[in-house]
Protein backbone atom coordinates (compact mmCIF):
# COMPACT_ATOMS: atom_id res chain seq x y z
CA UNK A 1 0.00 0.00 0.00
CA UNK A 2 3.07 2.23 -0.35
CA UNK A 3 2.34 5.72 -1.67
CA UNK A 4 -1.37 5.56 -0.91
CA UNK A 5 -2.84 8.37 1.13
CA UNK A 6 -4.22 7.55 4.57
CA UNK A 7 -7.38 9.36 5.68
CA UNK A 8 -7.99 10.16 9.31
CA UNK A 9 -11.40 9.62 10.88
CA UNK A 10 -11.81 13.37 11.14
CA UNK A 11 -11.24 13.73 7.39
CA UNK A 12 -13.68 10.92 6.63
CA UNK A 13 -16.30 12.62 8.86
CA UNK A 14 -15.83 15.78 6.86
CA UNK A 15 -16.45 13.87 3.66
CA UNK A 16 -19.48 12.12 5.14
CA UNK A 17 -20.77 15.49 6.36
CA UNK A 18 -20.58 16.87 2.84
CA UNK A 19 -22.75 13.95 1.82
CA UNK A 20 -25.45 14.72 4.36
CA UNK A 21 -24.28 12.70 7.39
CA UNK A 22 -23.76 15.08 10.36
CA UNK A 23 -20.65 14.28 12.35
CA UNK A 24 -22.54 14.05 15.63
CA UNK A 25 -24.63 11.13 14.26
CA UNK A 26 -21.60 9.05 13.35
CA UNK A 27 -20.86 6.27 15.83
CA UNK A 28 -17.81 5.00 13.96
CA UNK A 29 -16.01 4.73 10.63
CA UNK A 30 -14.01 1.53 9.91
CA UNK A 31 -12.25 0.32 6.78
CA UNK A 32 -13.15 -2.93 5.06
CA UNK A 33 -10.30 -5.43 4.99
CA UNK A 34 -9.16 -7.41 1.95
CA UNK A 35 -9.42 -11.17 2.65
CA UNK A 36 -6.55 -12.01 0.32
CA UNK A 37 -3.79 -9.84 1.80
CA UNK A 38 -5.18 -8.32 4.97
CA UNK A 39 -4.79 -4.74 3.69
CA UNK A 40 -7.35 -2.05 4.18
CA UNK A 41 -9.55 -1.09 1.26
CA UNK A 42 -10.24 2.58 0.62
CA UNK A 43 -13.83 1.70 1.50
CA UNK A 44 -15.31 2.45 4.94
CA UNK A 45 -18.37 1.29 6.84
CA UNK A 46 -20.06 4.37 8.31
CA UNK A 47 -22.14 3.54 11.37
CA UNK A 48 -24.69 6.17 12.47
CA UNK A 49 -27.17 5.99 15.27
CA UNK A 50 -29.94 4.78 12.95
CA UNK A 51 -28.26 3.49 9.79
CA UNK A 52 -25.23 2.07 8.05
CA UNK A 53 -23.80 3.06 4.74
CA UNK A 54 -20.58 2.70 2.74
CA UNK A 55 -18.16 5.52 1.96
CA UNK A 56 -15.80 4.71 -0.92
CA UNK A 57 -12.98 6.50 -2.62
CA UNK A 58 -14.12 6.34 -6.21
CA UNK A 59 -11.73 4.84 -8.73
CA UNK A 60 -11.72 4.55 -12.51
CA UNK A 61 -15.13 5.53 -13.85
CA UNK A 62 -17.03 4.52 -10.73
CA UNK A 63 -18.74 7.85 -10.22
CA UNK A 64 -19.70 7.97 -13.91
CA UNK A 65 -21.18 4.43 -13.70
CA UNK A 66 -23.36 5.23 -10.67
CA UNK A 67 -24.49 8.59 -11.93
CA UNK A 68 -25.03 7.33 -15.49
CA UNK A 69 -26.86 4.07 -14.74
CA UNK A 70 -27.87 3.85 -11.09
CA UNK A 71 -29.32 7.17 -10.00
CA UNK A 72 -32.57 5.35 -9.43
CA UNK A 73 -32.48 2.39 -7.05
CA UNK A 74 -31.73 -0.96 -8.59
CA UNK A 75 -32.03 -4.37 -6.90
CA UNK A 76 -28.77 -5.56 -8.44
CA UNK A 77 -26.52 -2.70 -7.34
CA UNK A 78 -26.02 -0.72 -4.11
CA UNK A 79 -28.21 2.37 -4.00
CA UNK A 80 -26.26 5.48 -4.92
CA UNK A 81 -26.58 8.06 -2.18
CA UNK A 82 -24.28 10.80 -3.49
CA UNK A 83 -20.79 11.92 -4.44
CA UNK A 84 -18.34 14.51 -3.18
CA UNK A 85 -14.75 15.70 -3.56
CA UNK A 86 -12.23 16.16 -0.83
CA UNK A 87 -8.85 17.73 -1.60
CA UNK A 88 -8.96 16.51 -5.18
CA UNK A 89 -10.17 13.00 -4.42
CA UNK A 90 -13.60 11.71 -5.43
CA UNK A 91 -15.83 9.82 -2.97
CA UNK A 92 -19.18 8.14 -3.30
CA UNK A 93 -21.72 7.18 -0.66
CA UNK A 94 -23.56 3.88 -1.15
CA UNK A 95 -26.12 1.67 0.51
CA UNK A 96 -24.64 -0.86 2.87
CA UNK A 97 -25.50 -4.31 1.46
CA UNK A 98 -25.01 -7.23 3.83
CA UNK A 99 -23.77 -10.35 2.14
CA UNK A 100 -20.88 -12.65 1.40
CA UNK A 101 -18.57 -12.41 -1.59
CA UNK A 102 -19.06 -15.18 -4.14
CA UNK A 103 -15.41 -16.34 -3.78
CA UNK A 104 -16.48 -19.84 -2.62
CA UNK A 105 -19.29 -20.32 -5.07
CA UNK A 106 -22.21 -22.40 -3.75
CA UNK A 107 -24.99 -23.21 -6.22
CA UNK A 108 -27.67 -21.04 -4.60
CA UNK A 109 -25.29 -18.09 -4.31
CA UNK A 110 -24.17 -18.49 -7.95
CA UNK A 111 -27.74 -18.53 -9.21
CA UNK A 112 -28.53 -15.40 -7.24
CA UNK A 113 -25.56 -13.74 -8.88
CA UNK A 114 -26.81 -14.78 -12.31
CA UNK A 115 -30.30 -13.50 -11.44
CA UNK A 116 -28.83 -10.06 -10.54
CA UNK A 117 -26.73 -9.90 -13.73
CA UNK A 118 -29.74 -11.03 -15.82
CA UNK A 119 -32.10 -8.45 -14.37
CA UNK A 120 -29.55 -5.72 -15.16
CA UNK A 121 -28.76 -6.90 -18.67
CA UNK A 122 -32.41 -7.34 -19.65
CA UNK A 123 -33.15 -3.82 -18.43
CA UNK A 124 -30.38 -2.23 -20.49
CA UNK A 125 -30.47 -4.60 -23.50
CA UNK A 126 -29.38 -2.76 -26.69
CA UNK A 127 -29.63 0.65 -25.00
CA UNK A 128 -27.60 2.45 -27.63
CA UNK A 129 -28.73 5.81 -26.28
CA UNK A 130 -26.53 5.18 -23.24
CA UNK A 131 -23.46 3.95 -25.11
CA UNK A 132 -21.49 7.17 -24.51
CA UNK A 133 -21.55 6.79 -20.72
CA UNK A 134 -18.62 5.49 -18.66
CA UNK A 135 -16.63 2.87 -20.64
CA UNK A 136 -17.48 3.34 -24.31
CA UNK A 137 -17.15 0.63 -26.91
CA UNK A 138 -14.21 2.51 -28.47
CA UNK A 139 -12.32 2.54 -25.16
CA UNK A 140 -13.10 -1.12 -24.54
CA UNK A 141 -11.86 -2.09 -27.99
CA UNK A 142 -8.54 -0.35 -27.38
CA UNK A 143 -8.07 -2.47 -24.26
CA UNK A 144 -9.07 -5.65 -26.13
CA UNK A 145 -6.64 -4.90 -28.98
CA UNK A 146 -3.84 -4.11 -26.50
CA UNK A 147 -4.20 -7.55 -24.87
CA UNK A 148 -3.85 -9.19 -28.27
CA UNK A 149 -0.40 -7.73 -28.83
CA UNK A 150 1.22 -9.81 -26.07
CA UNK A 151 0.04 -13.34 -26.71
CA UNK A 152 3.33 -14.62 -28.15
CA UNK A 153 2.03 -17.36 -30.47
CA UNK A 154 0.46 -17.64 -33.90
CA UNK A 155 -2.20 -20.04 -32.58
CA UNK A 156 -3.43 -17.61 -29.90
CA UNK A 157 -3.24 -14.61 -32.18
CA UNK A 158 -5.34 -16.31 -34.86
CA UNK A 159 -8.09 -17.27 -32.38
CA UNK A 160 -7.90 -13.83 -30.80
CA UNK A 161 -8.52 -12.17 -34.15
CA UNK A 162 -11.73 -14.20 -34.42
CA UNK A 163 -12.68 -13.15 -30.89
CA UNK A 164 -12.33 -9.44 -31.74
CA UNK A 165 -14.78 -9.89 -34.64
CA UNK A 166 -17.29 -11.52 -32.31
CA UNK A 167 -16.66 -8.86 -29.62
CA UNK A 168 -17.76 -6.18 -32.09
CA UNK A 169 -20.83 -8.06 -33.36
CA UNK A 170 -22.66 -9.53 -30.38
CA UNK A 171 -25.58 -7.54 -28.79
CA UNK A 172 -24.68 -4.86 -26.26
CA UNK A 173 -26.07 -4.18 -22.79
CA UNK A 174 -24.85 -2.83 -19.47
CA UNK A 175 -21.77 -4.76 -18.35
CA UNK A 176 -19.59 -4.73 -15.26
CA UNK A 177 -16.14 -5.10 -16.78
CA UNK A 178 -14.51 -6.69 -13.73
CA UNK A 179 -17.21 -9.06 -12.54
CA UNK A 180 -14.95 -11.43 -10.67
CA UNK A 181 -16.74 -13.37 -7.95
CA UNK A 182 -15.32 -11.07 -5.23
CA UNK A 183 -17.32 -8.23 -6.83
CA UNK A 184 -20.67 -9.92 -6.13
CA UNK A 185 -22.12 -9.79 -2.63
CA UNK A 186 -24.80 -12.39 -1.94
CA UNK A 187 -27.26 -12.12 0.90
CA UNK A 188 -31.01 -11.93 0.61
CA UNK A 189 -30.23 -10.58 -2.86
CA UNK A 190 -27.10 -10.40 -4.94
CA UNK A 191 -25.52 -7.03 -5.71
CA UNK A 192 -22.74 -6.18 -8.11
CA UNK A 193 -20.13 -3.90 -6.52
CA UNK A 194 -16.93 -2.03 -7.44
CA UNK A 195 -18.12 -0.38 -10.59
CA UNK A 196 -14.77 1.07 -11.61
CA UNK A 197 -15.33 0.04 -15.25
CA UNK A 198 -18.72 -0.52 -16.78
CA UNK A 199 -20.76 0.52 -19.81
CA UNK A 200 -22.91 -0.59 -22.73
CA UNK A 201 -20.67 -3.34 -24.02
CA UNK A 202 -20.86 -6.93 -25.43
CA UNK A 203 -23.35 -8.78 -23.24
CA UNK A 204 -21.14 -11.85 -22.61
CA UNK A 205 -18.19 -10.00 -21.10
CA UNK A 206 -19.57 -9.88 -17.55
CA UNK A 207 -20.89 -13.48 -17.43
CA UNK A 208 -17.67 -14.88 -18.89
CA UNK A 209 -15.55 -13.11 -16.29
CA UNK A 210 -17.85 -14.33 -13.53
CA UNK A 211 -17.38 -18.02 -14.43
CA UNK A 212 -13.93 -18.14 -16.09
CA UNK A 213 -11.68 -18.20 -13.06
CA UNK A 214 -13.35 -20.61 -10.68
CA UNK A 215 -11.57 -23.93 -10.12
CA UNK A 216 -12.86 -27.19 -8.64
CA UNK A 217 -10.16 -27.00 -5.95
CA UNK A 218 -10.91 -25.98 -2.39
CA UNK A 219 -7.50 -24.30 -2.18
CA UNK A 220 -8.25 -22.08 -5.21
CA UNK A 221 -9.01 -18.43 -4.49
CA UNK A 222 -12.19 -18.76 -6.58
CA UNK A 223 -13.92 -22.10 -6.04
CA UNK A 224 -16.57 -23.30 -8.46
CA UNK A 225 -17.64 -26.83 -9.29
CA UNK A 226 -17.70 -27.66 -13.02
CA UNK A 227 -21.28 -28.91 -12.61
CA UNK A 228 -22.34 -25.59 -11.05
CA UNK A 229 -20.63 -23.68 -13.85
CA UNK A 230 -22.52 -25.79 -16.45
CA UNK A 231 -25.81 -25.13 -14.66
CA UNK A 232 -25.05 -21.37 -14.58
CA UNK A 233 -24.34 -21.41 -18.32
CA UNK A 234 -27.79 -22.89 -19.02
CA UNK A 235 -29.49 -20.67 -16.42
CA UNK A 236 -28.03 -17.49 -17.88
CA UNK A 237 -29.03 -18.50 -21.38
CA UNK A 238 -32.65 -18.98 -20.33
CA UNK A 239 -32.74 -15.55 -18.65
CA UNK A 240 -30.91 -13.37 -21.11
CA UNK A 241 -29.84 -14.43 -24.61
CA UNK A 242 -32.65 -16.99 -24.98
CA UNK A 243 -35.22 -14.26 -24.23
CA UNK A 244 -33.75 -12.13 -27.01
CA UNK A 245 -33.89 -14.74 -29.74
CA UNK A 246 -30.25 -15.90 -29.71
CA UNK A 247 -29.86 -19.63 -30.54
CA UNK A 248 -28.28 -21.77 -27.84
CA UNK A 249 -25.56 -23.06 -30.14
CA UNK A 250 -24.61 -19.49 -31.15
CA UNK A 251 -24.54 -18.48 -27.48
CA UNK A 252 -22.26 -21.35 -26.52
CA UNK A 253 -19.88 -20.63 -29.37
CA UNK A 254 -19.67 -16.93 -28.52
CA UNK A 255 -19.33 -17.63 -24.81
CA UNK A 256 -16.32 -19.89 -25.44
CA UNK A 257 -14.63 -16.98 -27.30
CA UNK A 258 -15.23 -14.69 -24.34
CA UNK A 259 -13.83 -17.31 -21.93
CA UNK A 260 -10.78 -17.58 -24.20
CA UNK A 261 -10.41 -13.82 -23.83
CA UNK A 262 -10.39 -14.21 -20.03
CA UNK A 263 -7.67 -16.90 -20.19
CA UNK A 264 -5.58 -14.65 -22.41
CA UNK A 265 -5.40 -12.01 -19.67
CA UNK A 266 -2.83 -13.98 -17.67
CA UNK A 267 -0.93 -14.89 -20.84
CA UNK A 268 -0.67 -11.22 -21.70
CA UNK A 269 0.46 -10.32 -18.16
CA UNK A 270 3.15 -12.98 -18.18
CA UNK A 271 4.52 -12.01 -21.56
CA UNK A 272 4.26 -8.25 -21.11
CA UNK A 273 5.74 -8.06 -17.61
CA UNK A 274 8.13 -11.01 -17.64
CA UNK A 275 6.23 -13.01 -15.03
CA UNK A 276 6.07 -16.37 -16.84
CA UNK A 277 7.27 -18.14 -13.67
CA UNK A 278 3.96 -17.28 -12.00
CA UNK A 279 1.95 -20.52 -11.74
CA UNK A 280 -1.09 -18.72 -13.10
CA UNK A 281 0.68 -18.09 -16.37
CA UNK A 282 1.24 -21.78 -17.14
CA UNK A 283 -2.31 -22.63 -16.05
CA UNK A 284 -3.95 -20.03 -18.26
CA UNK A 285 -1.61 -20.53 -21.19
CA UNK A 286 -2.66 -24.18 -21.32
CA UNK A 287 -6.37 -23.26 -21.09
CA UNK A 288 -5.94 -20.56 -23.76
CA UNK A 289 -4.14 -22.91 -26.16
CA UNK A 290 -6.68 -25.72 -25.68
CA UNK A 291 -9.59 -23.34 -26.21
CA UNK A 292 -7.98 -21.77 -29.28
CA UNK A 293 -7.51 -25.24 -30.82
CA UNK A 294 -11.19 -26.04 -30.27
CA UNK A 295 -12.40 -22.73 -31.65
CA UNK A 296 -10.27 -22.84 -34.77
CA UNK A 297 -11.18 -26.47 -35.47
CA UNK A 298 -14.87 -25.66 -35.11
CA UNK A 299 -14.46 -22.73 -37.53
CA UNK A 300 -12.82 -25.00 -40.09
CA UNK A 301 -15.65 -27.53 -39.78
CA UNK A 302 -18.31 -24.84 -40.25
CA UNK A 303 -16.50 -23.56 -43.33
């Protein structure tokens, strides 16, 4: 956490006060702690005498996402309660949502997460009038193309070129561009959190990221049984693409391309930053190569 500013409780009370929470009503302000490394997030639980809410230092395009898409309350996202600036930093105030991160994915929790994602994507399906908010398609494409420059093999590059064509062509809706399981809180309902990057983008990008990194290994950081993943793939189809007339075979083919894109992330990181000795590099390189072989073989058979 070197180089990151530390905020005192007095400063955080000033920020909360600018968002309508008088200092004399605050019982305490405490940071949330990252499970993985024990560090403090720049996110604080604000306890008042009659309520709880979350104060968060906004990152990326988080303020733009909340003001652009979530000004009205949504069941699948924390209610947006306001934004403020303090000494050049942006902060947002959000509803406190009680729940557990999806890191250890149990079937009921996973389906609640898919329900939340489905409700959001059906609401914003093909909303081209909102495509200039937060992460635009043009900005997302630049990021996609950048990843493709560091794959290091003709096989991966050829499959990646096919992916970029599909990325441009599939229907668009509101997507959370970092929907890892830790960014879903599941309690009575599931809510999608940490909206640093989101926008009207290819509909499969959020779902693919949600399911791509779970392993059937209790020691894995993201645990997900293969059978639960398969059930989620069918469940999501019934609730989103199936309702919009997309054939199941087309959905499965496109989804595999988006999963391939997720695997290529760690290949890119290893090649770009010289971290090929990281165990995640070899794991994802193998998955990416196997998926690329399947996709290119299927393309040859269709042609």
